[in-house]
Amino acid sequence: MLNKIWLTMMAASILYSFFNGTYAETVAAGIASCSDTIQLLITLLGIMCFFNGILKIADRAGITKIIARILQPVLGRLFRDVPPDSEAFGAMTLNITANLLGMGNAATPLGISAMEKLKKQNHNRNTASHAMCLFVILNTSSIQLIPSTILSLRMNYGSGNPFFIVFPMWISSLTGLLVGILAAKFFRAREERILTCRQ
């Protein structure tokens, strides 16, 4: 789907530039952006390696396991349909912990694994379960204690105080997370009321 969206956007911009008489400028800008992208990636590589190294040390020091243990009671209340001793619950806990620490590379396969296990527990294969929807919300609006990518970009572009955005990001992420959880709980309660009335 994403490939189709990008292809449509690129085709639309090229067609527009062709009829607008700016085709040469559009092609030149596309080629220049490729060069700029490579330079940006090389510049960011060192900063990203630094933050990932810190996060890896935290993981090796057992901080990931400590956070996972702290999260288990909270997640147990949110995901009452998922047994705490199941593989799905363990994968969800590790995924959310990795997201908290900004370990996106480690979080992605854990998230996919958790979703696959939740799908196996879902009785209705044509509809996502409440646990699956809630997990997507937690994964999407996850709070990052160290938003390494944003910090790297701010450092690269010469921000006077690159860490200034950390606290506002925590507030906005937490707000989005709470709104998402409340919305999921509201719609589940509504669905259960509708099913009860039909019975």
Protein backbone atom coordinates (compact mmCIF):
# COMPACT_ATOMS: atom_id res chain seq x y z
CA MET A 1 0.00 0.00 0.00
CA LEU A 2 2.79 2.44 0.91
CA ASN A 3 4.56 1.71 -2.36
CA LYS A 4 1.40 2.58 -4.27
CA ILE A 5 0.96 5.81 -2.30
CA TRP A 6 4.56 6.90 -2.95
CA LEU A 7 4.32 5.96 -6.63
CA THR A 8 1.08 7.95 -6.98
CA MET A 9 2.62 11.01 -5.29
CA MET A 10 5.73 10.87 -7.47
CA ALA A 11 3.73 10.41 -10.68
CA ALA A 12 1.36 13.25 -9.75
CA SER A 13 4.24 15.65 -8.99
CA ILE A 14 6.05 14.80 -12.24
CA LEU A 15 2.88 15.24 -14.30
CA TYR A 16 2.10 18.52 -12.56
CA SER A 17 5.63 19.82 -13.16
CA PHE A 18 5.44 18.75 -16.83
CA PHE A 19 2.23 20.71 -17.45
CA ASN A 20 3.41 23.58 -15.25
CA GLY A 21 6.65 23.98 -17.17
CA THR A 22 8.92 23.15 -14.22
CA TYR A 23 9.88 19.60 -15.23
CA ALA A 24 13.63 20.32 -15.37
CA GLU A 25 13.61 21.96 -11.92
CA THR A 26 11.66 19.02 -10.45
CA VAL A 27 14.13 16.45 -11.82
CA ALA A 28 17.08 18.53 -10.60
CA ALA A 29 15.52 18.84 -7.13
CA GLY A 30 14.95 15.07 -7.00
CA ILE A 31 18.57 14.33 -7.86
CA ALA A 32 19.85 16.94 -5.38
CA SER A 33 17.63 15.52 -2.61
CA CYS A 34 19.20 12.09 -3.11
CA SER A 35 22.65 13.56 -2.49
CA ASP A 36 21.42 15.56 0.52
CA THR A 37 19.80 12.44 1.98
CA ILE A 38 23.03 10.43 1.80
CA GLN A 39 24.98 13.27 3.44
CA LEU A 40 22.36 13.53 6.22
CA LEU A 41 22.46 9.79 6.87
CA ILE A 42 26.26 9.77 7.13
CA THR A 43 26.15 12.77 9.49
CA LEU A 44 23.50 11.16 11.70
CA LEU A 45 25.24 7.81 11.79
CA GLY A 46 27.69 8.75 14.54
CA ILE A 47 25.05 10.32 16.79
CA MET A 48 22.68 7.38 16.30
CA CYS A 49 25.47 4.92 17.11
CA PHE A 50 26.17 6.84 20.32
CA PHE A 51 22.55 6.72 21.53
CA ASN A 52 22.08 3.10 20.46
CA GLY A 53 25.25 2.22 22.34
CA ILE A 54 23.88 3.80 25.52
CA LEU A 55 20.60 1.91 25.09
CA LYS A 56 22.48 -1.34 24.47
CA ILE A 57 24.45 -0.84 27.68
CA ALA A 58 21.17 -0.22 29.54
CA ASP A 59 19.79 -3.44 28.05
CA ARG A 60 22.88 -5.45 29.03
CA ALA A 61 22.71 -3.96 32.53
CA GLY A 62 19.24 -5.47 32.99
CA ILE A 63 17.26 -2.24 32.86
CA THR A 64 15.00 -3.73 30.16
CA LYS A 65 14.04 -6.64 32.44
CA ILE A 66 13.41 -4.29 35.37
CA ILE A 67 11.07 -2.12 33.30
CA ALA A 68 9.33 -5.24 31.97
CA ARG A 69 8.67 -6.44 35.54
CA ILE A 70 7.31 -3.00 36.49
CA LEU A 71 5.01 -2.97 33.46
CA GLN A 72 3.57 -6.45 33.96
CA PRO A 73 0.94 -5.52 36.61
CA VAL A 74 -0.17 -2.48 34.58
CA LEU A 75 -0.41 -4.45 31.34
CA GLY A 76 -2.20 -7.24 33.18
CA ARG A 77 -5.01 -4.81 34.05
CA LEU A 78 -5.19 -3.44 30.51
CA PHE A 79 -5.06 -6.82 28.76
CA ARG A 80 -7.39 -8.92 30.90
CA ASP A 81 -8.20 -11.18 27.93
CA VAL A 82 -4.54 -12.17 27.53
CA PRO A 83 -3.13 -14.66 30.09
CA PRO A 84 -0.08 -13.16 31.87
CA ASP A 85 1.89 -16.38 31.36
CA SER A 86 1.23 -16.52 27.60
CA GLU A 87 3.82 -15.91 24.90
CA ALA A 88 1.74 -13.02 23.53
CA PHE A 89 1.83 -11.19 26.87
CA GLY A 90 5.59 -11.67 27.15
CA ALA A 91 6.18 -10.36 23.62
CA MET A 92 3.93 -7.34 24.27
CA THR A 93 5.80 -6.50 27.47
CA LEU A 94 9.18 -6.68 25.77
CA ASN A 95 7.95 -4.62 22.80
CA ILE A 96 6.61 -1.81 24.99
CA THR A 97 9.80 -1.88 27.07
CA ALA A 98 11.97 -1.61 23.94
CA ASN A 99 9.83 1.31 22.70
CA LEU A 100 10.21 3.06 26.06
CA LEU A 101 13.98 2.85 25.74
CA GLY A 102 13.89 4.05 22.13
CA MET A 103 15.11 0.69 20.80
CA GLY A 104 12.98 0.76 17.64
CA ASN A 105 15.01 -1.94 15.86
CA ALA A 106 14.41 -4.36 18.70
CA ALA A 107 10.79 -3.29 19.22
CA THR A 108 9.58 -3.94 15.66
CA PRO A 109 10.11 -7.75 15.48
CA LEU A 110 8.75 -8.11 19.02
CA GLY A 111 5.64 -6.14 18.03
CA ILE A 112 5.08 -8.30 14.95
CA SER A 113 5.57 -11.44 17.01
CA ALA A 114 3.12 -10.21 19.67
CA MET A 115 0.49 -9.38 17.04
CA GLU A 116 0.83 -12.83 15.46
CA LYS A 117 0.38 -14.49 18.83
CA LEU A 118 -2.63 -12.29 19.65
CA LYS A 119 -4.12 -13.22 16.28
CA LYS A 120 -3.86 -16.92 17.17
CA GLN A 121 -5.80 -16.26 20.38
CA ASN A 122 -8.48 -14.31 18.50
CA HIS A 123 -11.63 -16.38 17.94
CA ASN A 124 -12.94 -14.10 15.18
CA ARG A 125 -10.29 -14.13 12.45
CA ASN A 126 -12.09 -11.49 10.35
CA THR A 127 -12.13 -8.85 13.11
CA ALA A 128 -9.28 -7.58 15.28
CA SER A 129 -9.73 -8.39 18.95
CA HIS A 130 -9.81 -5.75 21.68
CA ALA A 131 -6.34 -6.81 22.80
CA MET A 132 -4.98 -6.40 19.25
CA CYS A 133 -6.48 -2.91 18.89
CA LEU A 134 -5.23 -1.83 22.31
CA PHE A 135 -1.75 -3.16 21.59
CA VAL A 136 -1.59 -1.14 18.34
CA ILE A 137 -2.54 1.97 20.33
CA LEU A 138 0.16 1.32 22.94
CA ASN A 139 2.71 0.62 20.22
CA THR A 140 1.84 3.68 18.14
CA SER A 141 1.67 6.21 20.97
CA SER A 142 4.50 4.73 23.00
CA ILE A 143 6.46 7.09 25.24
CA GLN A 144 10.19 7.17 24.50
CA LEU A 145 12.38 7.99 27.47
CA ILE A 146 15.21 8.82 25.05
CA PRO A 147 13.89 9.92 21.61
CA SER A 148 17.24 9.27 19.95
CA THR A 149 16.19 9.99 16.35
CA ILE A 150 14.75 13.44 17.10
CA LEU A 151 17.70 14.31 19.34
CA SER A 152 20.11 13.27 16.59
CA LEU A 153 18.36 15.49 14.04
CA ARG A 154 18.34 18.47 16.42
CA MET A 155 22.04 18.03 17.18
CA ASN A 156 22.87 17.72 13.49
CA TYR A 157 21.07 20.95 12.60
CA GLY A 158 22.79 22.94 15.35
CA SER A 159 20.09 23.20 18.01
CA GLY A 160 21.24 25.23 21.01
CA ASN A 161 19.39 22.89 23.37
CA PRO A 162 18.55 19.62 21.60
CA PHE A 163 17.17 18.03 24.79
CA PHE A 164 14.59 20.82 25.24
CA ILE A 165 11.92 18.81 23.40
CA VAL A 166 12.21 15.71 25.61
CA PHE A 167 9.81 16.82 28.36
CA PRO A 168 7.16 18.21 25.94
CA MET A 169 7.39 14.94 23.99
CA TRP A 170 6.76 12.97 27.18
CA ILE A 171 3.68 15.08 27.93
CA SER A 172 2.26 14.84 24.40
CA SER A 173 2.99 11.10 24.16
CA LEU A 174 1.42 10.43 27.55
CA THR A 175 -1.66 12.47 26.61
CA GLY A 176 -2.05 10.61 23.33
CA LEU A 177 -1.56 7.29 25.10
CA LEU A 178 -4.22 8.02 27.73
CA VAL A 179 -6.71 9.25 25.11
CA GLY A 180 -6.09 6.12 23.02
CA ILE A 181 -6.59 3.78 25.99
CA LEU A 182 -9.76 5.58 27.10
CA ALA A 183 -11.15 5.49 23.55
CA ALA A 184 -10.43 1.76 23.26
CA LYS A 185 -12.09 1.06 26.62
CA PHE A 186 -15.09 3.25 25.69
CA PHE A 187 -15.72 1.49 22.39
CA ARG A 188 -15.30 -1.93 23.98
CA ALA A 189 -17.86 -1.09 26.68
CA ARG A 190 -20.18 0.25 23.99
CA GLU A 191 -19.81 -2.93 21.92
CA GLU A 192 -20.51 -5.10 24.96
CA ARG A 193 -23.67 -3.07 25.73
CA ILE A 194 -24.89 -3.48 22.15
CA LEU A 195 -24.28 -7.25 22.24
CA THR A 196 -26.09 -7.49 25.60
CA CYS A 197 -29.11 -5.60 24.23
CA ARG A 198 -29.27 -7.88 21.19
CA GLN A 199 -29.32 -10.94 23.40
